[in-house]
Amino acid sequence: MSGVEHTPHQRLLVFLHNTGAVIGRPGKTVEELATAMGMRPDEVDEMVLDQINSGYLEFSTDEKGVRHYKLTGRGIIRVSSLYT
């Protein structure tokens, strides 16, 4: 990151952005996010729901019913604003 300490919610958005989990691309599961962020899946699940409600994340569901989360256009703008 840019030497600035980000909140866990911001770190989640930045991670998704940096790994290319954006509109039209594959997303990340809660388990993948929890592992990458060093958090419990239930903590990440709560953050994901907050970010969906804020309009920053969306999800798609695979054939096994697993949700894959990715940034929306609004989420991409939010991440970009962290660096300006």
Protein backbone atom coordinates (compact mmCIF):
# COMPACT_ATOMS: atom_id res chain seq x y z
CA MET A 1 0.00 0.00 0.00
CA SER A 2 1.10 3.59 -0.09
CA GLY A 3 2.49 3.90 3.46
CA VAL A 4 -1.00 4.78 4.71
CA GLU A 5 -2.69 2.47 7.17
CA HIS A 6 -6.01 1.25 5.74
CA THR A 7 -9.00 -0.08 7.64
CA PRO A 8 -9.88 -3.76 7.15
CA HIS A 9 -12.77 -2.69 4.87
CA GLN A 10 -10.37 -0.66 2.73
CA ARG A 11 -7.80 -3.49 2.68
CA LEU A 12 -10.51 -5.81 1.37
CA LEU A 13 -11.31 -3.45 -1.50
CA VAL A 14 -7.63 -2.86 -2.30
CA PHE A 15 -6.92 -6.61 -2.30
CA LEU A 16 -9.77 -7.30 -4.72
CA HIS A 17 -8.59 -4.47 -6.96
CA ASN A 18 -4.96 -5.60 -6.93
CA THR A 19 -5.89 -9.19 -7.78
CA GLY A 20 -8.16 -8.18 -10.66
CA ALA A 21 -11.42 -9.21 -9.00
CA VAL A 22 -13.47 -6.56 -10.77
CA ILE A 23 -16.59 -6.39 -12.94
CA GLY A 24 -16.47 -8.99 -15.70
CA ARG A 25 -13.58 -10.93 -14.14
CA PRO A 26 -13.47 -13.86 -11.72
CA GLY A 27 -14.01 -12.94 -8.09
CA LYS A 28 -12.72 -14.29 -4.80
CA THR A 29 -14.48 -16.50 -2.27
CA VAL A 30 -14.79 -15.61 1.40
CA GLU A 31 -12.28 -18.34 2.18
CA GLU A 32 -9.75 -16.92 -0.29
CA LEU A 33 -10.23 -13.44 1.13
CA ALA A 34 -9.91 -14.68 4.73
CA THR A 35 -6.65 -16.49 3.95
CA ALA A 36 -5.17 -13.50 2.11
CA MET A 37 -6.16 -11.05 4.83
CA GLY A 38 -5.30 -13.25 7.81
CA MET A 39 -8.84 -13.09 9.15
CA ARG A 40 -11.57 -15.55 10.06
CA PRO A 41 -14.13 -16.27 7.32
CA ASP A 42 -16.99 -15.01 9.51
CA GLU A 43 -15.21 -11.64 9.92
CA VAL A 44 -14.67 -11.37 6.18
CA ASP A 45 -18.26 -12.41 5.49
CA GLU A 46 -19.50 -9.54 7.66
CA MET A 47 -17.24 -7.05 5.85
CA VAL A 48 -18.35 -8.36 2.46
CA LEU A 49 -22.00 -7.83 3.35
CA ASP A 50 -21.23 -4.25 4.46
CA GLN A 51 -19.42 -3.59 1.18
CA ILE A 52 -22.30 -5.04 -0.87
CA ASN A 53 -24.73 -2.81 1.00
CA SER A 54 -22.47 0.18 0.24
CA GLY A 55 -22.49 -0.71 -3.45
CA TYR A 56 -18.76 -1.49 -3.60
CA LEU A 57 -19.01 -5.26 -4.15
CA GLU A 58 -21.16 -7.69 -6.08
CA PHE A 59 -21.06 -11.45 -6.39
CA SER A 60 -21.71 -14.27 -8.78
CA THR A 61 -22.50 -17.83 -7.77
CA ASP A 62 -20.75 -20.80 -9.35
CA GLU A 63 -22.30 -24.18 -10.21
CA LYS A 64 -21.60 -25.41 -6.66
CA GLY A 65 -23.43 -22.45 -5.11
CA VAL A 66 -20.22 -20.75 -3.91
CA ARG A 67 -20.23 -16.96 -4.07
CA HIS A 68 -17.35 -15.12 -5.75
CA TYR A 69 -17.02 -11.45 -4.82
CA LYS A 70 -15.69 -8.66 -7.01
CA LEU A 71 -15.58 -4.88 -7.10
CA THR A 72 -18.32 -2.87 -8.78
CA GLY A 73 -17.59 0.29 -10.73
CA ARG A 74 -18.30 2.23 -7.55
CA GLY A 75 -15.86 0.00 -5.66
CA ILE A 76 -13.12 0.68 -8.20
CA ILE A 77 -13.68 4.42 -7.79
CA ARG A 78 -13.52 3.99 -3.98
CA VAL A 79 -10.16 2.21 -4.22
CA SER A 80 -8.83 4.87 -6.58
CA SER A 81 -9.85 7.58 -4.12
CA LEU A 82 -7.65 5.99 -1.45
CA TYR A 83 -4.59 6.95 -3.48
CA THR A 84 -5.50 10.55 -4.37
